[in-house]
């Protein structure tokens, strides 16, 4: 099991943006597909407090339920990208 878990909805362009960054950085991650209906997205809501996707968790760095694709991409670049500590 990977440290990073991504909650996504297939076909979501924001999710694709995050997945592209994860792949670009060659990171191992698990994917959990959420139901199309927001009412049924209880798992992602428990993690992030909201039902929108994408959302990631990163156990290694204590990240629980980060949302907003731009924020996630920036976090991944800073944490795992070239020049990261």
PDB file of N, CA and C in Angstrom:
ATOM      1  N   UNK A   1       0.841  -1.186   0.000  1.00  0.00           N
ATOM      2  CA  UNK A   1       0.000   0.000   0.000  1.00  0.00           C
ATOM      3  C   UNK A   1       0.890   1.256   0.000  1.00  0.00           C
ATOM      4  N   UNK A   2       0.562   2.187  -0.852  1.00  0.00           N
ATOM      5  CA  UNK A   2       1.334   3.422  -0.988  1.00  0.00           C
ATOM      6  C   UNK A   2       0.992   4.393   0.145  1.00  0.00           C
ATOM      7  N   UNK A   3       1.909   5.323   0.411  1.00  0.00           N
ATOM      8  CA  UNK A   3       1.660   6.357   1.419  1.00  0.00           C
ATOM      9  C   UNK A   3       0.614   7.357   0.942  1.00  0.00           C
ATOM     10  N   UNK A   4       0.568   7.588  -0.373  1.00  0.00           N
ATOM     11  CA  UNK A   4      -0.362   8.564  -0.937  1.00  0.00           C
ATOM     12  C   UNK A   4      -1.609   7.849  -1.441  1.00  0.00           C
ATOM     13  N   UNK A   5      -2.756   8.388  -1.067  1.00  0.00           N
ATOM     14  CA  UNK A   5      -4.040   7.892  -1.571  1.00  0.00           C
ATOM     15  C   UNK A   5      -4.758   9.055  -2.221  1.00  0.00           C
ATOM     16  N   UNK A   6      -5.294   8.804  -3.405  1.00  0.00           N
ATOM     17  CA  UNK A   6      -6.033   9.830  -4.133  1.00  0.00           C
ATOM     18  C   UNK A   6      -7.481   9.387  -4.296  1.00  0.00           C
ATOM     19  N   UNK A   7      -8.379  10.267  -3.935  1.00  0.00           N
ATOM     20  CA  UNK A   7      -9.811  10.041  -4.140  1.00  0.00           C
ATOM     21  C   UNK A   7     -10.182  10.794  -5.408  1.00  0.00           C
ATOM     22  N   UNK A   8     -10.809  10.073  -6.344  1.00  0.00           N
ATOM     23  CA  UNK A   8     -11.114  10.698  -7.626  1.00  0.00           C
ATOM     24  C   UNK A   8     -12.414  10.182  -8.208  1.00  0.00           C
ATOM     25  N   UNK A   9     -12.872  10.900  -9.214  1.00  0.00           N
ATOM     26  CA  UNK A   9     -14.031  10.518 -10.003  1.00  0.00           C
ATOM     27  C   UNK A   9     -13.546  10.381 -11.438  1.00  0.00           C
ATOM     28  N   UNK A  10     -13.725   9.209 -12.063  1.00  0.00           N
ATOM     29  CA  UNK A  10     -13.275   9.055 -13.446  1.00  0.00           C
ATOM     30  C   UNK A  10     -13.877  10.124 -14.355  1.00  0.00           C
ATOM     31  N   UNK A  11     -13.039  10.687 -15.201  1.00  0.00           N
ATOM     32  CA  UNK A  11     -13.486  11.723 -16.117  1.00  0.00           C
ATOM     33  C   UNK A  11     -13.387  13.136 -15.564  1.00  0.00           C
ATOM     34  N   UNK A  12     -13.018  13.266 -14.303  1.00  0.00           N
ATOM     35  CA  UNK A  12     -12.892  14.577 -13.668  1.00  0.00           C
ATOM     36  C   UNK A  12     -11.586  15.227 -14.128  1.00  0.00           C
ATOM     37  N   UNK A  13     -11.649  16.398 -14.780  1.00  0.00           N
ATOM     38  CA  UNK A  13     -10.424  17.031 -15.282  1.00  0.00           C
ATOM     39  C   UNK A  13      -9.480  17.483 -14.161  1.00  0.00           C
ATOM     40  N   UNK A  14     -10.024  17.849 -13.011  1.00  0.00           N
ATOM     41  CA  UNK A  14      -9.187  18.257 -11.877  1.00  0.00           C
ATOM     42  C   UNK A  14      -8.438  17.051 -11.304  1.00  0.00           C
ATOM     43  N   UNK A  15      -9.122  15.919 -11.290  1.00  0.00           N
ATOM     44  CA  UNK A  15      -8.485  14.674 -10.839  1.00  0.00           C
ATOM     45  C   UNK A  15      -7.381  14.271 -11.808  1.00  0.00           C
ATOM     46  N   UNK A  16      -7.640  14.416 -13.094  1.00  0.00           N
ATOM     47  CA  UNK A  16      -6.641  14.072 -14.116  1.00  0.00           C
ATOM     48  C   UNK A  16      -5.390  14.934 -13.956  1.00  0.00           C
ATOM     49  N   UNK A  17      -5.582  16.186 -13.593  1.00  0.00           N
ATOM     50  CA  UNK A  17      -4.460  17.105 -13.379  1.00  0.00           C
ATOM     51  C   UNK A  17      -3.564  16.602 -12.239  1.00  0.00           C
ATOM     52  N   UNK A  18      -4.187  16.178 -11.151  1.00  0.00           N
ATOM     53  CA  UNK A  18      -3.435  15.668 -10.002  1.00  0.00           C
ATOM     54  C   UNK A  18      -2.763  14.347 -10.349  1.00  0.00           C
ATOM     55  N   UNK A  19      -3.500  13.467 -11.012  1.00  0.00           N
ATOM     56  CA  UNK A  19      -2.943  12.166 -11.406  1.00  0.00           C
ATOM     57  C   UNK A  19      -1.739  12.368 -12.324  1.00  0.00           C
ATOM     58  N   UNK A  20      -1.826  13.317 -13.223  1.00  0.00           N
ATOM     59  CA  UNK A  20      -0.724  13.624 -14.139  1.00  0.00           C
ATOM     60  C   UNK A  20       0.521  14.043 -13.360  1.00  0.00           C
ATOM     61  N   UNK A  21       0.348  14.856 -12.319  1.00  0.00           N
ATOM     62  CA  UNK A  21       1.487  15.298 -11.503  1.00  0.00           C
ATOM     63  C   UNK A  21       2.075  14.131 -10.727  1.00  0.00           C
ATOM     64  N   UNK A  22       1.227  13.291 -10.171  1.00  0.00           N
ATOM     65  CA  UNK A  22       1.701  12.109  -9.458  1.00  0.00           C
ATOM     66  C   UNK A  22       2.534  11.221 -10.383  1.00  0.00           C
ATOM     67  N   UNK A  23       2.043  11.029 -11.602  1.00  0.00           N
ATOM     68  CA  UNK A  23       2.752  10.201 -12.581  1.00  0.00           C
ATOM     69  C   UNK A  23       4.051  10.868 -13.030  1.00  0.00           C
ATOM     70  N   UNK A  24       4.005  12.173 -13.241  1.00  0.00           N
ATOM     71  CA  UNK A  24       5.191  12.919 -13.657  1.00  0.00           C
ATOM     72  C   UNK A  24       6.314  12.778 -12.626  1.00  0.00           C
ATOM     73  N   UNK A  25       5.942  12.777 -11.337  1.00  0.00           N
ATOM     74  CA  UNK A  25       6.916  12.648 -10.263  1.00  0.00           C
ATOM     75  C   UNK A  25       7.253  11.194  -9.949  1.00  0.00           C
ATOM     76  N   UNK A  26       6.635  10.280 -10.706  1.00  0.00           N
ATOM     77  CA  UNK A  26       6.867   8.844 -10.556  1.00  0.00           C
ATOM     78  C   UNK A  26       6.593   8.367  -9.132  1.00  0.00           C
ATOM     79  N   UNK A  27       5.487   8.868  -8.563  1.00  0.00           N
ATOM     80  CA  UNK A  27       5.105   8.509  -7.200  1.00  0.00           C
ATOM     81  C   UNK A  27       4.157   7.320  -7.203  1.00  0.00           C
ATOM     82  N   UNK A  28       4.320   6.471  -6.220  1.00  0.00           N
ATOM     83  CA  UNK A  28       3.406   5.348  -6.042  1.00  0.00           C
ATOM     84  C   UNK A  28       2.207   5.866  -5.250  1.00  0.00           C
ATOM     85  N   UNK A  29       1.017   5.535  -5.699  1.00  0.00           N
ATOM     86  CA  UNK A  29      -0.184   6.003  -5.004  1.00  0.00           C
ATOM     87  C   UNK A  29      -1.330   5.045  -5.238  1.00  0.00           C
ATOM     88  N   UNK A  30      -2.254   5.043  -4.306  1.00  0.00           N
ATOM     89  CA  UNK A  30      -3.474   4.257  -4.433  1.00  0.00           C
ATOM     90  C   UNK A  30      -4.598   5.188  -4.873  1.00  0.00           C
ATOM     91  N   UNK A  31      -5.542   4.633  -5.614  1.00  0.00           N
ATOM     92  CA  UNK A  31      -6.683   5.417  -6.091  1.00  0.00           C
ATOM     93  C   UNK A  31      -7.968   4.823  -5.532  1.00  0.00           C
ATOM     94  N   UNK A  32      -8.800   5.686  -4.999  1.00  0.00           N
ATOM     95  CA  UNK A  32     -10.142   5.283  -4.576  1.00  0.00           C
ATOM     96  C   UNK A  32     -11.122   6.089  -5.403  1.00  0.00           C
ATOM     97  N   UNK A  33     -11.909   5.375  -6.206  1.00  0.00           N
ATOM     98  CA  UNK A  33     -12.923   6.041  -7.027  1.00  0.00           C
ATOM     99  C   UNK A  33     -14.157   6.301  -6.173  1.00  0.00           C
ATOM    100  N   UNK A  34     -14.604   7.537  -6.171  1.00  0.00           N
ATOM    101  CA  UNK A  34     -15.782   7.904  -5.390  1.00  0.00           C
ATOM    102  C   UNK A  34     -17.034   7.748  -6.248  1.00  0.00           C
ATOM    103  N   UNK A  35     -18.178   7.539  -5.619  1.00  0.00           N
ATOM    104  CA  UNK A  35     -19.435   7.455  -6.373  1.00  0.00           C
ATOM    105  C   UNK A  35     -19.754   8.797  -7.048  1.00  0.00           C
ATOM    106  N   UNK A  36     -20.505   8.740  -8.123  1.00  0.00           N
ATOM    107  CA  UNK A  36     -20.886   9.950  -8.840  1.00  0.00           C
ATOM    108  C   UNK A  36     -21.758  10.851  -7.954  1.00  0.00           C
ATOM    109  N   UNK A  37     -22.618  10.260  -7.157  1.00  0.00           N
ATOM    110  CA  UNK A  37     -23.523  11.020  -6.290  1.00  0.00           C
ATOM    111  C   UNK A  37     -22.785  11.540  -5.058  1.00  0.00           C
ATOM    112  N   UNK A  38     -22.858  12.847  -4.835  1.00  0.00           N
ATOM    113  CA  UNK A  38     -22.220  13.446  -3.663  1.00  0.00           C
ATOM    114  C   UNK A  38     -22.769  12.850  -2.364  1.00  0.00           C
ATOM    115  N   UNK A  39     -24.040  12.471  -2.361  1.00  0.00           N
ATOM    116  CA  UNK A  39     -24.661  11.905  -1.168  1.00  0.00           C
ATOM    117  C   UNK A  39     -24.021  10.588  -0.749  1.00  0.00           C
ATOM    118  N   UNK A  40     -23.393   9.891  -1.685  1.00  0.00           N
ATOM    119  CA  UNK A  40     -22.799   8.582  -1.403  1.00  0.00           C
ATOM    120  C   UNK A  40     -21.290   8.656  -1.150  1.00  0.00           C
ATOM    121  N   UNK A  41     -20.737   9.833  -1.111  1.00  0.00           N
ATOM    122  CA  UNK A  41     -19.280   9.988  -0.957  1.00  0.00           C
ATOM    123  C   UNK A  41     -18.870  10.106   0.510  1.00  0.00           C
ATOM    124  N   UNK A  42     -19.322   9.169   1.309  1.00  0.00           N
ATOM    125  CA  UNK A  42     -19.066   9.240   2.745  1.00  0.00           C
ATOM    126  C   UNK A  42     -17.592   9.037   3.078  1.00  0.00           C
ATOM    127  N   UNK A  43     -16.895   8.183   2.334  1.00  0.00           N
ATOM    128  CA  UNK A  43     -15.482   7.907   2.655  1.00  0.00           C
ATOM    129  C   UNK A  43     -14.612   9.149   2.468  1.00  0.00           C
ATOM    130  N   UNK A  44     -14.762   9.833   1.348  1.00  0.00           N
ATOM    131  CA  UNK A  44     -13.954  11.037   1.115  1.00  0.00           C
ATOM    132  C   UNK A  44     -14.378  12.163   2.068  1.00  0.00           C
ATOM    133  N   UNK A  45     -15.637  12.191   2.432  1.00  0.00           N
ATOM    134  CA  UNK A  45     -16.109  13.211   3.373  1.00  0.00           C
ATOM    135  C   UNK A  45     -15.489  13.005   4.757  1.00  0.00           C
ATOM    136  N   UNK A  46     -15.331  11.746   5.180  1.00  0.00           N
ATOM    137  CA  UNK A  46     -14.690  11.459   6.466  1.00  0.00           C
ATOM    138  C   UNK A  46     -13.245  11.948   6.462  1.00  0.00           C
ATOM    139  N   UNK A  47     -12.573  11.808   5.336  1.00  0.00           N
ATOM    140  CA  UNK A  47     -11.156  12.162   5.227  1.00  0.00           C
ATOM    141  C   UNK A  47     -10.954  13.668   5.131  1.00  0.00           C
ATOM    142  N   UNK A  48     -11.817  14.339   4.358  1.00  0.00           N
ATOM    143  CA  UNK A  48     -11.565  15.746   4.032  1.00  0.00           C
ATOM    144  C   UNK A  48     -12.602  16.735   4.567  1.00  0.00           C
ATOM    145  N   UNK A  49     -13.728  16.235   5.034  1.00  0.00           N
ATOM    146  CA  UNK A  49     -14.780  17.125   5.501  1.00  0.00           C
ATOM    147  C   UNK A  49     -15.655  17.675   4.386  1.00  0.00           C
ATOM    148  N   UNK A  50     -15.422  17.214   3.167  1.00  0.00           N
ATOM    149  CA  UNK A  50     -16.237  17.662   2.029  1.00  0.00           C
ATOM    150  C   UNK A  50     -16.348  16.517   1.017  1.00  0.00           C
ATOM    151  N   UNK A  51     -17.230  16.674   0.035  1.00  0.00           N
ATOM    152  CA  UNK A  51     -17.483  15.572  -0.896  1.00  0.00           C
ATOM    153  C   UNK A  51     -16.866  15.786  -2.275  1.00  0.00           C
ATOM    154  N   UNK A  52     -16.222  16.922  -2.489  1.00  0.00           N
ATOM    155  CA  UNK A  52     -15.600  17.184  -3.781  1.00  0.00           C
ATOM    156  C   UNK A  52     -14.300  16.411  -3.952  1.00  0.00           C
ATOM    157  N   UNK A  53     -13.920  16.197  -5.185  1.00  0.00           N
ATOM    158  CA  UNK A  53     -12.650  15.554  -5.510  1.00  0.00           C
ATOM    159  C   UNK A  53     -11.921  16.421  -6.522  1.00  0.00           C
ATOM    160  N   UNK A  54     -10.618  16.322  -6.623  1.00  0.00           N
ATOM    161  CA  UNK A  54      -9.749  15.330  -6.002  1.00  0.00           C
ATOM    162  C   UNK A  54      -9.421  15.679  -4.555  1.00  0.00           C
ATOM    163  N   UNK A  55      -9.058  14.633  -3.824  1.00  0.00           N
ATOM    164  CA  UNK A  55      -8.558  14.748  -2.461  1.00  0.00           C
ATOM    165  C   UNK A  55      -7.402  13.764  -2.344  1.00  0.00           C
ATOM    166  N   UNK A  56      -6.333  14.169  -1.645  1.00  0.00           N
ATOM    167  CA  UNK A  56      -5.260  13.219  -1.377  1.00  0.00           C
ATOM    168  C   UNK A  56      -4.982  13.162   0.116  1.00  0.00           C
ATOM    169  N   UNK A  57      -4.432  12.025   0.522  1.00  0.00           N
ATOM    170  CA  UNK A  57      -3.831  11.879   1.835  1.00  0.00           C
ATOM    171  C   UNK A  57      -2.391  11.441   1.591  1.00  0.00           C
ATOM    172  N   UNK A  58      -1.510  11.824   2.467  1.00  0.00           N
ATOM    173  CA  UNK A  58      -0.106  11.448   2.369  1.00  0.00           C
ATOM    174  C   UNK A  58       0.358  11.089   3.775  1.00  0.00           C
ATOM    175  N   UNK A  59       0.278   9.815   4.103  1.00  0.00           N
ATOM    176  CA  UNK A  59       0.583   9.358   5.461  1.00  0.00           C
ATOM    177  C   UNK A  59       1.995   9.730   5.876  1.00  0.00           C
ATOM    178  N   UNK A  60       2.948   9.613   4.981  1.00  0.00           N
ATOM    179  CA  UNK A  60       4.349   9.878   5.317  1.00  0.00           C
ATOM    180  C   UNK A  60       4.561  11.302   5.826  1.00  0.00           C
ATOM    181  N   UNK A  61       3.768  12.252   5.300  1.00  0.00           N
ATOM    182  CA  UNK A  61       3.937  13.654   5.658  1.00  0.00           C
ATOM    183  C   UNK A  61       2.782  14.211   6.484  1.00  0.00           C
ATOM    184  N   UNK A  62       1.912  13.337   6.981  1.00  0.00           N
ATOM    185  CA  UNK A  62       0.835  13.775   7.859  1.00  0.00           C
ATOM    186  C   UNK A  62      -0.261  14.579   7.176  1.00  0.00           C
ATOM    187  N   UNK A  63      -0.421  14.410   5.870  1.00  0.00           N
ATOM    188  CA  UNK A  63      -1.465  15.136   5.140  1.00  0.00           C
ATOM    189  C   UNK A  63      -2.730  14.291   5.129  1.00  0.00           C
ATOM    190  N   UNK A  64      -3.796  14.848   5.669  1.00  0.00           N
ATOM    191  CA  UNK A  64      -5.077  14.143   5.717  1.00  0.00           C
ATOM    192  C   UNK A  64      -6.137  14.969   5.024  1.00  0.00           C
ATOM    193  N   UNK A  65      -6.527  14.556   3.853  1.00  0.00           N
ATOM    194  CA  UNK A  65      -7.647  15.192   3.184  1.00  0.00           C
ATOM    195  C   UNK A  65      -7.369  16.520   2.528  1.00  0.00           C
ATOM    196  N   UNK A  66      -6.261  16.634   1.797  1.00  0.00           N
ATOM    197  CA  UNK A  66      -5.984  17.868   1.052  1.00  0.00           C
ATOM    198  C   UNK A  66      -6.844  17.888  -0.208  1.00  0.00           C
ATOM    199  N   UNK A  67      -7.528  19.009  -0.425  1.00  0.00           N
ATOM    200  CA  UNK A  67      -8.376  19.147  -1.612  1.00  0.00           C
ATOM    201  C   UNK A  67      -7.875  20.304  -2.468  1.00  0.00           C
ATOM    202  N   UNK A  68      -8.578  20.583  -3.533  1.00  0.00           N
ATOM    203  CA  UNK A  68      -8.238  21.626  -4.513  1.00  0.00           C
ATOM    204  C   UNK A  68      -7.024  21.203  -5.342  1.00  0.00           C
ATOM    205  N   UNK A  69      -7.264  20.928  -6.601  1.00  0.00           N
ATOM    206  CA  UNK A  69      -6.227  20.384  -7.477  1.00  0.00           C
ATOM    207  C   UNK A  69      -4.974  21.246  -7.538  1.00  0.00           C
ATOM    208  N   UNK A  70      -5.126  22.570  -7.607  1.00  0.00           N
ATOM    209  CA  UNK A  70      -3.944  23.440  -7.671  1.00  0.00           C
ATOM    210  C   UNK A  70      -3.105  23.324  -6.395  1.00  0.00           C
ATOM    211  N   UNK A  71      -3.766  23.262  -5.248  1.00  0.00           N
ATOM    212  CA  UNK A  71      -3.055  23.115  -3.978  1.00  0.00           C
ATOM    213  C   UNK A  71      -2.330  21.775  -3.911  1.00  0.00           C
ATOM    214  N   UNK A  72      -2.990  20.729  -4.383  1.00  0.00           N
ATOM    215  CA  UNK A  72      -2.392  19.394  -4.360  1.00  0.00           C
ATOM    216  C   UNK A  72      -1.164  19.344  -5.270  1.00  0.00           C
ATOM    217  N   UNK A  73      -1.293  19.874  -6.490  1.00  0.00           N
ATOM    218  CA  UNK A  73      -0.176  19.871  -7.441  1.00  0.00           C
ATOM    219  C   UNK A  73       1.005  20.657  -6.868  1.00  0.00           C
ATOM    220  N   UNK A  74       0.732  21.799  -6.265  1.00  0.00           N
ATOM    221  CA  UNK A  74       1.788  22.607  -5.661  1.00  0.00           C
ATOM    222  C   UNK A  74       2.458  21.849  -4.507  1.00  0.00           C
ATOM    223  N   UNK A  75       1.658  21.218  -3.668  1.00  0.00           N
ATOM    224  CA  UNK A  75       2.192  20.430  -2.557  1.00  0.00           C
ATOM    225  C   UNK A  75       3.080  19.297  -3.071  1.00  0.00           C
ATOM    226  N   UNK A  76       2.626  18.573  -4.078  1.00  0.00           N
ATOM    227  CA  UNK A  76       3.410  17.472  -4.627  1.00  0.00           C
ATOM    228  C   UNK A  76       4.733  17.952  -5.197  1.00  0.00           C
ATOM    229  N   UNK A  77       4.701  19.064  -5.922  1.00  0.00           N
ATOM    230  CA  UNK A  77       5.924  19.607  -6.522  1.00  0.00           C
ATOM    231  C   UNK A  77       6.909  20.027  -5.429  1.00  0.00           C
ATOM    232  N   UNK A  78       6.404  20.703  -4.390  1.00  0.00           N
ATOM    233  CA  UNK A  78       7.272  21.165  -3.315  1.00  0.00           C
ATOM    234  C   UNK A  78       7.816  20.022  -2.479  1.00  0.00           C
ATOM    235  N   UNK A  79       7.006  18.988  -2.283  1.00  0.00           N
ATOM    236  CA  UNK A  79       7.384  17.895  -1.403  1.00  0.00           C
ATOM    237  C   UNK A  79       8.211  16.823  -2.112  1.00  0.00           C
ATOM    238  N   UNK A  80       7.855  16.540  -3.363  1.00  0.00           N
ATOM    239  CA  UNK A  80       8.491  15.421  -4.068  1.00  0.00           C
ATOM    240  C   UNK A  80       9.223  15.812  -5.346  1.00  0.00           C
ATOM    241  N   UNK A  81       9.087  17.056  -5.755  1.00  0.00           N
ATOM    242  CA  UNK A  81       9.695  17.498  -7.012  1.00  0.00           C
ATOM    243  C   UNK A  81      11.181  17.729  -6.905  1.00  0.00           C
ATOM    244  N   UNK A  82      11.746  18.143  -7.997  1.00  0.00           N
ATOM    245  CA  UNK A  82      13.175  18.418  -8.063  1.00  0.00           C
ATOM    246  C   UNK A  82      13.534  19.498  -7.043  1.00  0.00           C
ATOM    247  N   UNK A  83      14.549  19.241  -6.258  1.00  0.00           N
ATOM    248  CA  UNK A  83      14.986  20.204  -5.266  1.00  0.00           C
ATOM    249  C   UNK A  83      14.255  20.103  -3.941  1.00  0.00           C
ATOM    250  N   UNK A  84      13.321  19.129  -3.829  1.00  0.00           N
ATOM    251  CA  UNK A  84      12.616  18.943  -2.560  1.00  0.00           C
ATOM    252  C   UNK A  84      13.599  18.431  -1.513  1.00  0.00           C
ATOM    253  N   UNK A  85      13.346  18.804  -0.292  1.00  0.00           N
ATOM    254  CA  UNK A  85      14.256  18.392   0.813  1.00  0.00           C
ATOM    255  C   UNK A  85      14.226  16.902   1.036  1.00  0.00           C
TER     256      UNK A  85
END
